[in-house]
Amino acid sequence: MSIEKFCEKIGVAPDPKFGVEVLKAAMKYYKMTPERAAHFFAQTNHESGGFAKFNENLNYGAKGLRGIFGKYFPTDQMAVAYERKPEKIANKVYGGRMGNGPESSGDGWKYRGRGALQLTGNDNYKALATYLGKPEILTNPDLVATDYIFESAIWFFDKNKLWDICDKGVSDATILSITKKINGGTHGLDDRSTKTKKYYNLLKGVKVEGSAAAAPAPAVAKPAASSAAVKPGMLSQHFSLKEMTRSETATRKGIDNSPSPQHLSNLMLVCKHILEPVRNHFGKPVQINSAYRGPKLNAAVGGSAKSQHCNGEAVDFEIDGLANPELAKWVADNCDFDQIILEFYNPKEGPNSGWVHASYASSGKQRKQILTAVMEKGKTVYKPGFVI
């Protein structure tokens, strides 16, 4: 994203130099106090070369590789083999760490540094996607360098509790503390200090509705059907990664049921299109019986290899005290879905007999299939529609 496009986003006249009017508008857009805005925009200005670079530059020569990444290029011969090959360099330097696969996986390049503070690594992209409620970041990481350049930096400030330091005011001590948290040292401290104090002087006295000196870090995005920001560890406002991957069988057998980035993205879509609408409509906790099942877990429970659970596209759930046929019908009438199955409901056993299975296809093409699963002669039979 260019600064001109950012200006359009926050509703201010284009200014490639990020002048005082843009600064004030950005502070109001993100509902920051003058102290927070001064620290935040000064640090991101320095880190991005004056808001000019939101993609990591990995076009190093052999000498640069030896000097900056000597650990990964211990010999001149190795450095020469990689010089001026940014993609190969990223895969070498970032492969096998920060949640990335090995060098051969290409994750190092896919999850290279982007945004105003150079978000790097699969784990951090995954955490940001959850925080913003934007699963598409995992399949299109370039969005961090276009749509979420400052949101990714806000996530970093939030994660590392830098807002608490900002709230102590603008001083040499607070600037130094924040610089160390961001840089790991004091590189560029003079420039960061000059910019922070300059911005603070420009912003003092500017009031921002909803800001407060001791307020929590600003919410930067809203998940579907919710006005609250998604917290770390959550897939949406009400549903956590833990409950969407939890399994007694996995725990008992020691099976790692962690989803891949794509499966995580799919789970977020299920929460967005099915679970959050259900939770918000009925106003009651939703019990998750089963959601993501990795290949080992799926085999352990005897699931079909073609099950949408294996892709993170399906969830089995119910609401205590609500008849599952009523729940299934509400989903069918009000949600975007691929498949809904009323599974093993028996009215003689009470309203919570069985459960509701619902799925959302990550391809975006939804079949709108409605079925009822029943047992007949010891076998599961799927009948069209809701059969009570």
Protein backbone atom coordinates (compact mmCIF):
# COMPACT_ATOMS: atom_id res chain seq x y z
CA MET A 1 0.00 0.00 0.00
CA SER A 2 1.31 3.41 -0.92
CA ILE A 3 0.92 6.29 1.51
CA GLU A 4 -1.43 7.88 -1.02
CA LYS A 5 -3.75 4.84 -0.77
CA PHE A 6 -3.44 4.87 3.00
CA CYS A 7 -4.56 8.51 2.97
CA GLU A 8 -7.61 7.46 0.98
CA LYS A 9 -8.31 4.71 3.52
CA ILE A 10 -8.30 7.09 6.48
CA GLY A 11 -10.13 9.87 4.63
CA VAL A 12 -7.50 12.58 4.25
CA ALA A 13 -5.96 14.40 1.28
CA PRO A 14 -3.10 12.46 -0.36
CA ASP A 15 0.31 13.34 1.06
CA PRO A 16 3.24 11.06 0.13
CA LYS A 17 5.36 12.78 2.80
CA PHE A 18 3.03 11.70 5.63
CA GLY A 19 2.63 15.26 6.86
CA VAL A 20 0.93 16.58 9.96
CA GLU A 21 -2.62 16.25 8.61
CA VAL A 22 -2.05 12.59 7.74
CA LEU A 23 -0.51 12.02 11.16
CA LYS A 24 -3.52 13.54 12.92
CA ALA A 25 -5.97 11.63 10.75
CA ALA A 26 -4.11 8.35 11.35
CA MET A 27 -4.18 8.94 15.11
CA LYS A 28 -7.94 9.49 15.00
CA TYR A 29 -8.54 6.57 12.63
CA TYR A 30 -6.83 4.15 15.01
CA LYS A 31 -8.19 5.94 18.10
CA MET A 32 -4.78 6.48 19.66
CA THR A 33 -3.72 9.02 22.26
CA PRO A 34 -1.03 11.55 21.22
CA GLU A 35 1.51 9.57 23.26
CA ARG A 36 0.68 6.29 21.57
CA ALA A 37 0.54 7.81 18.12
CA ALA A 38 3.86 9.62 18.53
CA HIS A 39 5.69 6.46 19.56
CA PHE A 40 3.91 4.23 17.05
CA PHE A 41 4.26 6.34 13.92
CA ALA A 42 7.81 7.46 14.72
CA GLN A 43 8.97 3.87 15.14
CA THR A 44 7.15 2.62 12.05
CA ASN A 45 8.48 5.60 10.06
CA HIS A 46 12.04 4.66 10.95
CA GLU A 47 11.57 0.93 10.37
CA SER A 48 9.97 1.43 6.93
CA GLY A 49 12.48 3.98 5.65
CA GLY A 50 10.08 6.89 5.84
CA PHE A 51 6.96 4.83 5.06
CA ALA A 52 8.50 3.77 1.76
CA LYS A 53 9.31 0.07 2.19
CA PHE A 54 6.76 -2.47 3.35
CA ASN A 55 8.43 -5.55 1.85
CA GLU A 56 11.71 -6.96 3.15
CA ASN A 57 14.64 -6.35 0.81
CA LEU A 58 16.60 -9.57 0.55
CA ASN A 59 18.59 -8.73 -2.59
CA TYR A 60 21.98 -9.12 -0.90
CA GLY A 61 25.37 -9.65 -2.45
CA ALA A 62 27.81 -12.21 -1.07
CA LYS A 63 29.51 -9.65 1.18
CA GLY A 64 26.18 -8.56 2.65
CA LEU A 65 25.13 -12.15 3.30
CA ARG A 66 28.38 -12.88 5.11
CA GLY A 67 28.06 -9.72 7.19
CA ILE A 68 24.35 -9.86 8.06
CA PHE A 69 23.56 -13.57 7.91
CA GLY A 70 26.96 -15.07 8.67
CA LYS A 71 25.36 -17.84 10.71
CA TYR A 72 23.61 -19.14 7.60
CA PHE A 73 26.43 -18.38 5.16
CA PRO A 74 29.62 -19.40 6.97
CA THR A 75 31.77 -19.51 3.80
CA ASP A 76 32.30 -17.18 0.86
CA GLN A 77 31.51 -20.04 -1.50
CA MET A 78 28.07 -20.56 0.02
CA ALA A 79 27.34 -16.82 0.02
CA VAL A 80 28.26 -16.54 -3.66
CA ALA A 81 25.83 -19.37 -4.49
CA TYR A 82 22.96 -17.39 -2.96
CA GLU A 83 23.84 -13.76 -3.73
CA ARG A 84 21.22 -11.64 -5.53
CA LYS A 85 18.66 -14.42 -5.23
CA PRO A 86 16.11 -13.02 -2.74
CA GLU A 87 13.79 -16.02 -2.76
CA LYS A 88 16.60 -18.52 -2.15
CA ILE A 89 18.01 -16.27 0.57
CA ALA A 90 14.67 -16.03 2.39
CA ASN A 91 14.13 -19.77 2.28
CA LYS A 92 17.64 -20.38 3.60
CA VAL A 93 17.54 -17.80 6.40
CA TYR A 94 13.95 -18.29 7.56
CA GLY A 95 13.43 -21.98 6.76
CA GLY A 96 12.89 -24.34 9.68
CA ARG A 97 12.06 -21.67 12.26
CA MET A 98 9.28 -19.26 13.28
CA GLY A 99 6.77 -21.94 12.31
CA ASN A 100 8.15 -22.22 8.77
CA GLY A 101 8.81 -25.50 7.06
CA PRO A 102 12.33 -26.43 5.89
CA GLU A 103 14.19 -24.47 3.24
CA SER A 104 12.67 -26.62 0.51
CA SER A 105 9.10 -25.74 1.60
CA GLY A 106 9.30 -22.15 0.35
CA ASP A 107 7.80 -20.86 3.61
CA GLY A 108 10.76 -18.57 4.21
CA TRP A 109 9.92 -16.57 1.09
CA LYS A 110 6.16 -16.85 1.54
CA TYR A 111 6.30 -15.49 5.09
CA ARG A 112 9.17 -13.02 4.67
CA GLY A 113 9.08 -9.60 6.29
CA ARG A 114 6.17 -7.35 5.40
CA GLY A 115 4.33 -4.40 6.89
CA ALA A 116 5.50 -1.36 8.80
CA LEU A 117 7.44 -3.48 11.31
CA GLN A 118 8.36 -6.40 9.04
CA LEU A 119 6.10 -9.20 10.24
CA THR A 120 8.08 -12.40 9.61
CA GLY A 121 7.42 -16.13 9.92
CA ASN A 122 4.44 -18.46 9.64
CA ASP A 123 3.68 -18.32 13.37
CA ASN A 124 3.40 -14.53 13.33
CA TYR A 125 1.28 -14.45 10.17
CA LYS A 126 -1.02 -17.03 11.74
CA ALA A 127 -1.29 -15.00 14.94
CA LEU A 128 -2.02 -11.82 12.98
CA ALA A 129 -4.71 -13.55 10.90
CA THR A 130 -6.41 -14.68 14.11
CA TYR A 131 -6.04 -11.27 15.76
CA LEU A 132 -7.61 -9.43 12.83
CA GLY A 133 -10.15 -12.11 11.96
CA LYS A 134 -8.68 -12.14 8.44
CA PRO A 135 -7.91 -15.77 7.48
CA GLU A 136 -7.11 -14.72 3.92
CA ILE A 137 -3.77 -13.39 5.18
CA LEU A 138 -2.50 -16.97 5.39
CA THR A 139 -3.21 -17.70 1.75
CA ASN A 140 -2.24 -14.23 0.54
CA PRO A 141 0.53 -12.91 2.82
CA ASP A 142 1.11 -9.94 0.50
CA LEU A 143 -1.95 -8.36 2.12
CA VAL A 144 0.30 -7.42 5.04
CA ALA A 145 2.27 -5.19 2.68
CA THR A 146 -0.81 -3.71 1.04
CA ASP A 147 -3.93 -3.69 3.23
CA TYR A 148 -2.60 -4.22 6.76
CA ILE A 149 0.75 -2.40 6.93
CA PHE A 150 -0.11 -0.56 10.15
CA GLU A 151 -2.54 -3.14 11.54
CA SER A 152 0.30 -5.67 11.59
CA ALA A 153 2.42 -3.18 13.57
CA ILE A 154 -0.46 -2.53 15.97
CA TRP A 155 -0.62 -6.29 16.56
CA PHE A 156 3.10 -6.24 17.41
CA PHE A 157 2.62 -3.36 19.87
CA ASP A 158 -0.31 -5.20 21.43
CA LYS A 159 1.46 -8.56 21.66
CA ASN A 160 4.57 -7.05 23.23
CA LYS A 161 2.67 -4.71 25.58
CA LEU A 162 4.29 -1.63 24.09
CA TRP A 163 1.17 0.44 24.67
CA ASP A 164 1.89 0.29 28.41
CA ILE A 165 5.25 1.95 27.77
CA CYS A 166 3.66 4.52 25.45
CA ASP A 167 1.20 5.46 28.18
CA LYS A 168 4.08 6.48 30.44
CA GLY A 169 4.66 9.47 28.16
CA VAL A 170 7.24 10.65 25.66
CA SER A 171 10.71 10.74 27.18
CA ASP A 172 14.20 9.49 26.43
CA ALA A 173 13.55 6.51 28.71
CA THR A 174 10.31 5.42 27.00
CA ILE A 175 11.77 5.92 23.52
CA LEU A 176 14.79 3.82 24.43
CA SER A 177 12.62 1.07 25.94
CA ILE A 178 10.36 0.81 22.90
CA THR A 179 13.33 0.92 20.52
CA LYS A 180 14.94 -2.04 22.27
CA LYS A 181 11.68 -4.01 22.09
CA ILE A 182 11.38 -3.40 18.35
CA ASN A 183 15.00 -3.41 17.23
CA GLY A 184 16.58 -5.70 19.78
CA GLY A 185 19.16 -2.97 20.32
CA THR A 186 19.49 0.78 19.83
CA HIS A 187 20.10 1.03 16.08
CA GLY A 188 18.74 4.35 14.76
CA LEU A 189 17.91 5.61 18.25
CA ASP A 190 18.65 9.26 17.42
CA ASP A 191 16.30 9.25 14.42
CA ARG A 192 13.58 7.44 16.35
CA SER A 193 13.91 9.91 19.23
CA THR A 194 13.77 12.96 16.97
CA LYS A 195 10.69 11.71 15.14
CA THR A 196 8.86 10.67 18.33
CA LYS A 197 9.34 14.06 19.98
CA LYS A 198 8.45 15.90 16.78
CA TYR A 199 5.24 13.91 16.32
CA TYR A 200 4.29 14.34 19.95
CA ASN A 201 4.66 18.13 19.75
CA LEU A 202 2.46 18.15 16.65
CA LEU A 203 -0.20 15.99 18.26
CA LYS A 204 -0.42 17.43 21.76
CA GLY A 205 -3.82 18.92 22.39
CA VAL A 206 -5.51 16.92 19.62
CA LYS A 207 -8.45 15.05 21.14
CA VAL A 208 -9.51 11.67 19.84
CA GLU A 209 -12.95 10.30 20.64
CA GLY A 210 -12.73 7.00 22.46
CA SER A 211 -9.04 7.22 23.33
CA ALA A 212 -7.70 7.14 26.85
CA ALA A 213 -4.24 7.23 28.35
CA ALA A 214 -4.66 3.87 30.02
CA ALA A 215 -7.02 2.27 27.50
CA PRO A 216 -6.14 -1.13 26.08
CA ALA A 217 -4.54 -1.36 22.65
CA PRO A 218 -6.98 -0.29 19.93
CA ALA A 219 -9.16 -2.81 18.17
CA VAL A 220 -8.07 -2.76 14.54
CA ALA A 221 -10.53 -5.12 12.91
CA LYS A 222 -13.94 -6.64 13.49
CA PRO A 223 -14.85 -10.27 12.95
CA ALA A 224 -18.11 -11.20 11.34
CA ALA A 225 -21.25 -10.35 13.31
CA SER A 226 -19.23 -8.82 16.11
CA SER A 227 -18.06 -5.42 17.25
CA ALA A 228 -15.13 -6.71 19.30
CA ALA A 229 -11.56 -7.38 18.18
CA VAL A 230 -10.43 -10.99 17.96
CA LYS A 231 -7.95 -11.81 20.73
CA PRO A 232 -4.85 -13.96 20.28
CA GLY A 233 -5.69 -17.66 20.44
CA MET A 234 -9.21 -17.01 19.15
CA LEU A 235 -10.52 -17.82 15.67
CA SER A 236 -13.38 -15.37 16.11
CA GLN A 237 -14.94 -13.42 18.96
CA HIS A 238 -16.45 -16.44 20.72
CA PHE A 239 -14.54 -19.46 19.41
CA SER A 240 -10.98 -20.45 20.24
CA LEU A 241 -8.46 -22.49 18.33
CA LYS A 242 -8.23 -24.83 21.32
CA GLU A 243 -11.91 -25.81 21.31
CA MET A 244 -11.92 -26.19 17.52
CA THR A 245 -9.03 -28.70 17.63
CA ARG A 246 -9.72 -30.36 20.98
CA SER A 247 -10.19 -34.13 21.05
CA GLU A 248 -10.20 -36.62 23.92
CA THR A 249 -8.95 -39.28 21.51
CA ALA A 250 -6.03 -37.09 20.45
CA THR A 251 -5.14 -36.41 24.08
CA ARG A 252 -5.39 -40.06 25.04
CA LYS A 253 -3.34 -41.29 22.08
CA GLY A 254 -0.84 -38.42 22.07
CA ILE A 255 -1.83 -37.24 18.58
CA ASP A 256 -0.80 -33.75 17.48
CA ASN A 257 -3.98 -32.23 16.06
CA SER A 258 -2.52 -28.86 15.03
CA PRO A 259 -4.01 -27.46 11.81
CA SER A 260 -1.93 -26.25 8.88
CA PRO A 261 -2.19 -22.56 7.89
CA GLN A 262 -4.76 -23.47 5.23
CA HIS A 263 -6.82 -25.54 7.67
CA LEU A 264 -6.63 -22.70 10.21
CA SER A 265 -7.96 -20.35 7.56
CA ASN A 266 -10.79 -22.76 6.84
CA LEU A 267 -11.72 -22.98 10.53
CA MET A 268 -11.96 -19.20 10.67
CA LEU A 269 -14.42 -19.30 7.77
CA VAL A 270 -16.57 -21.86 9.61
CA CYS A 271 -16.62 -19.58 12.64
CA LYS A 272 -17.43 -16.53 10.53
CA HIS A 273 -20.22 -18.01 8.42
CA ILE A 274 -21.80 -20.51 10.81
CA LEU A 275 -20.78 -20.45 14.47
CA GLU A 276 -20.72 -16.71 15.13
CA PRO A 277 -24.17 -16.14 13.54
CA VAL A 278 -25.54 -19.02 15.67
CA ARG A 279 -23.95 -17.67 18.86
CA ASN A 280 -25.17 -14.12 18.23
CA HIS A 281 -28.72 -15.18 17.35
CA PHE A 282 -29.39 -17.56 20.23
CA GLY A 283 -27.25 -15.68 22.76
CA LYS A 284 -26.09 -18.91 24.38
CA PRO A 285 -22.76 -20.78 24.48
CA VAL A 286 -22.27 -23.21 21.61
CA GLN A 287 -20.84 -26.61 22.52
CA ILE A 288 -18.25 -27.81 20.01
CA ASN A 289 -18.20 -31.60 19.81
CA SER A 290 -15.72 -31.90 16.95
CA ALA A 291 -14.20 -29.58 14.37
CA TYR A 292 -10.71 -30.03 12.88
CA ARG A 293 -9.43 -33.59 12.67
CA GLY A 294 -5.97 -34.15 11.25
CA PRO A 295 -5.29 -37.36 9.27
CA LYS A 296 -4.02 -39.35 12.29
CA LEU A 297 -6.90 -38.31 14.51
CA ASN A 298 -9.44 -38.89 11.77
CA ALA A 299 -8.12 -42.42 11.27
CA ALA A 300 -8.14 -43.03 15.03
CA VAL A 301 -11.85 -42.17 15.30
CA GLY A 302 -12.75 -44.08 12.14
CA GLY A 303 -13.71 -41.01 10.12
CA SER A 304 -14.03 -40.94 6.36
CA ALA A 305 -10.88 -39.84 4.54
CA LYS A 306 -13.09 -37.46 2.56
CA SER A 307 -14.57 -35.83 5.66
CA GLN A 308 -14.63 -32.04 5.60
CA HIS A 309 -13.45 -32.19 9.21
CA CYS A 310 -10.02 -33.12 7.83
CA ASN A 311 -9.87 -29.83 5.93
CA GLY A 312 -11.08 -27.71 8.84
CA GLU A 313 -14.28 -27.02 6.91
CA ALA A 314 -16.77 -28.70 9.25
CA VAL A 315 -17.98 -28.58 12.83
CA ASP A 316 -20.29 -30.72 14.98
CA PHE A 317 -22.08 -28.67 17.61
CA GLU A 318 -25.19 -28.13 19.73
CA ILE A 319 -26.68 -25.71 22.27
CA ASP A 320 -27.76 -27.01 25.65
CA GLY A 321 -31.55 -27.02 25.99
CA LEU A 322 -32.21 -26.25 22.31
CA ALA A 323 -33.67 -28.99 20.15
CA ASN A 324 -31.12 -29.93 17.51
CA PRO A 325 -33.74 -29.96 14.71
CA GLU A 326 -34.55 -26.34 15.55
CA LEU A 327 -30.86 -25.45 15.55
CA ALA A 328 -30.21 -27.22 12.25
CA LYS A 329 -33.19 -25.53 10.58
CA TRP A 330 -32.09 -22.08 11.77
CA VAL A 331 -28.64 -22.60 10.26
CA ALA A 332 -30.19 -23.78 7.00
CA ASP A 333 -32.44 -20.73 6.83
CA ASN A 334 -29.99 -18.06 7.93
CA CYS A 335 -26.38 -19.08 7.21
CA ASP A 336 -24.22 -19.56 4.16
CA PHE A 337 -23.23 -23.24 4.25
CA ASP A 338 -22.06 -26.16 2.16
CA GLN A 339 -23.71 -28.99 4.09
CA ILE A 340 -25.93 -29.41 7.14
CA ILE A 341 -26.64 -32.80 8.65
CA LEU A 342 -28.98 -33.44 11.56
CA GLU A 343 -27.12 -36.42 12.99
CA PHE A 344 -28.73 -39.22 14.98
CA TYR A 345 -31.57 -37.20 16.51
CA ASN A 346 -34.12 -39.22 18.49
CA PRO A 347 -36.94 -37.17 20.05
CA LYS A 348 -37.45 -39.88 22.68
CA GLU A 349 -34.00 -39.09 24.07
CA GLY A 350 -34.63 -35.36 24.55
CA PRO A 351 -33.93 -32.13 22.65
CA ASN A 352 -30.15 -32.55 22.69
CA SER A 353 -30.23 -35.99 21.17
CA GLY A 354 -27.59 -36.26 18.46
CA TRP A 355 -25.94 -33.11 17.13
CA VAL A 356 -25.76 -30.74 14.17
CA HIS A 357 -23.01 -31.08 11.58
CA ALA A 358 -22.40 -28.01 9.42
CA SER A 359 -19.71 -27.17 6.90
CA TYR A 360 -18.50 -24.26 4.84
CA ALA A 361 -16.49 -24.94 1.68
CA SER A 362 -13.33 -22.83 1.54
CA SER A 363 -13.63 -22.74 -2.27
CA GLY A 364 -16.64 -20.45 -1.84
CA LYS A 365 -18.88 -22.81 -3.82
CA GLN A 366 -21.54 -24.04 -1.40
CA ARG A 367 -23.74 -27.03 -2.28
CA LYS A 368 -26.50 -26.09 0.18
CA GLN A 369 -27.00 -29.78 0.94
CA ILE A 370 -29.36 -30.71 3.79
CA LEU A 371 -29.38 -34.26 5.16
CA THR A 372 -30.43 -36.33 8.16
CA ALA A 373 -28.20 -39.14 9.43
CA VAL A 374 -29.94 -42.15 10.98
CA MET A 375 -28.94 -45.68 11.93
CA GLU A 376 -30.62 -48.46 10.00
CA LYS A 377 -29.59 -52.08 10.54
CA GLY A 378 -26.35 -51.00 12.17
CA LYS A 379 -25.33 -48.71 9.33
CA THR A 380 -25.43 -44.93 8.94
CA VAL A 381 -27.90 -43.82 6.29
CA TYR A 382 -28.15 -40.24 5.00
CA LYS A 383 -31.62 -39.08 3.98
CA PRO A 384 -32.38 -35.87 2.07
CA GLY A 385 -33.85 -32.99 4.06
CA PHE A 386 -34.63 -32.90 7.77
CA VAL A 387 -36.33 -36.15 8.71
CA ILE A 388 -37.68 -36.11 12.26
